[in-house]
Amino acid sequence: MRLSDLQNKNVVNISDGRNIGSIVDVKIDQEKGSIISFVLEPSRNFLSFLNRGEDTEIKWDAITKIGEDVILVKITL
């Protein structure tokens, strides 16, 4: 799977069902060659427009499932 494939998926928090945003970057452990976390751009809705949120970082261990159209994560925001 390529980063561009991941960037086309919605990231949804299974704790509350909200769309968190989309992946804009990935942090990688250079020594191990493994993913540390995904960096997300906040979703563009009315409330986030008023409150210009910062990027969100999702640790690899918070990812529950990577599906065809969505990435499910379990986090508390």
Protein backbone atom coordinates (compact mmCIF):
# COMPACT_ATOMS: atom_id res chain seq x y z
CA MET A 1 0.00 0.00 0.00
CA ARG A 2 1.25 3.47 -0.85
CA LEU A 3 0.89 6.72 1.08
CA SER A 4 -1.25 8.09 -1.75
CA ASP A 5 -3.67 5.16 -1.20
CA LEU A 6 -3.94 6.05 2.49
CA GLN A 7 -4.49 9.75 1.75
CA ASN A 8 -7.67 8.93 -0.16
CA LYS A 9 -9.29 7.26 2.85
CA ASN A 10 -11.43 8.93 5.52
CA VAL A 11 -10.15 8.52 9.08
CA VAL A 12 -13.02 7.78 11.48
CA ASN A 13 -12.87 7.58 15.27
CA ILE A 14 -14.83 4.51 16.38
CA SER A 15 -15.28 6.00 19.87
CA ASP A 16 -17.74 8.62 18.59
CA GLY A 17 -18.15 7.94 14.85
CA ARG A 18 -16.68 11.29 13.80
CA ASN A 19 -14.65 11.82 10.66
CA ILE A 20 -11.36 13.11 12.08
CA GLY A 21 -9.75 14.23 8.85
CA SER A 22 -7.47 13.00 6.13
CA ILE A 23 -3.86 11.86 6.20
CA VAL A 24 -1.36 14.49 5.10
CA ASP A 25 1.86 12.89 6.34
CA VAL A 26 3.37 9.81 7.99
CA LYS A 27 6.04 9.66 10.69
CA ILE A 28 8.44 6.75 10.23
CA ASP A 29 11.03 5.22 12.55
CA GLN A 30 14.08 5.41 10.29
CA GLU A 31 16.03 2.72 12.16
CA LYS A 32 13.23 0.14 12.14
CA GLY A 33 11.51 1.25 8.94
CA SER A 34 8.12 1.13 10.64
CA ILE A 35 5.28 3.65 10.85
CA ILE A 36 5.12 5.60 14.11
CA SER A 37 2.02 7.67 13.38
CA PHE A 38 -0.19 9.33 10.80
CA VAL A 39 -0.51 13.11 10.72
CA LEU A 40 -4.04 14.25 9.88
CA GLU A 41 -5.41 17.49 8.58
CA PRO A 42 -8.58 18.37 10.50
CA SER A 43 -11.86 17.69 8.70
CA ARG A 44 -13.38 20.70 7.01
CA ASN A 45 -16.74 21.32 8.62
CA PHE A 46 -18.44 24.45 9.88
CA LEU A 47 -17.08 24.23 13.43
CA SER A 48 -13.51 23.57 12.34
CA PHE A 49 -13.80 26.56 9.99
CA LEU A 50 -14.52 28.80 12.96
CA ASN A 51 -11.91 27.13 15.15
CA ARG A 52 -8.90 26.71 12.86
CA GLY A 53 -7.66 23.40 14.33
CA GLU A 54 -4.14 22.09 14.23
CA ASP A 55 -3.01 18.85 12.66
CA THR A 56 -3.79 15.72 14.67
CA GLU A 57 -1.30 12.90 15.14
CA ILE A 58 -2.64 9.34 15.36
CA LYS A 59 -0.24 6.77 16.81
CA TRP A 60 0.06 3.50 14.91
CA ASP A 61 -1.26 1.46 17.86
CA ALA A 62 -4.53 3.50 17.84
CA ILE A 63 -5.40 2.20 14.37
CA THR A 64 -8.05 -0.49 14.54
CA LYS A 65 -8.52 -1.30 10.85
CA ILE A 66 -7.49 -0.06 7.43
CA GLY A 67 -10.31 -0.82 5.01
CA GLU A 68 -10.97 -0.09 1.36
CA ASP A 69 -12.54 3.35 1.96
CA VAL A 70 -11.88 4.16 5.61
CA ILE A 71 -9.29 3.92 8.36
CA LEU A 72 -10.81 3.20 11.77
CA VAL A 73 -9.02 4.52 14.86
CA LYS A 74 -9.82 4.52 18.55
CA ILE A 75 -8.75 7.73 20.25
CA THR A 76 -10.03 10.27 22.77
CA LEU A 77 -9.92 13.85 21.50
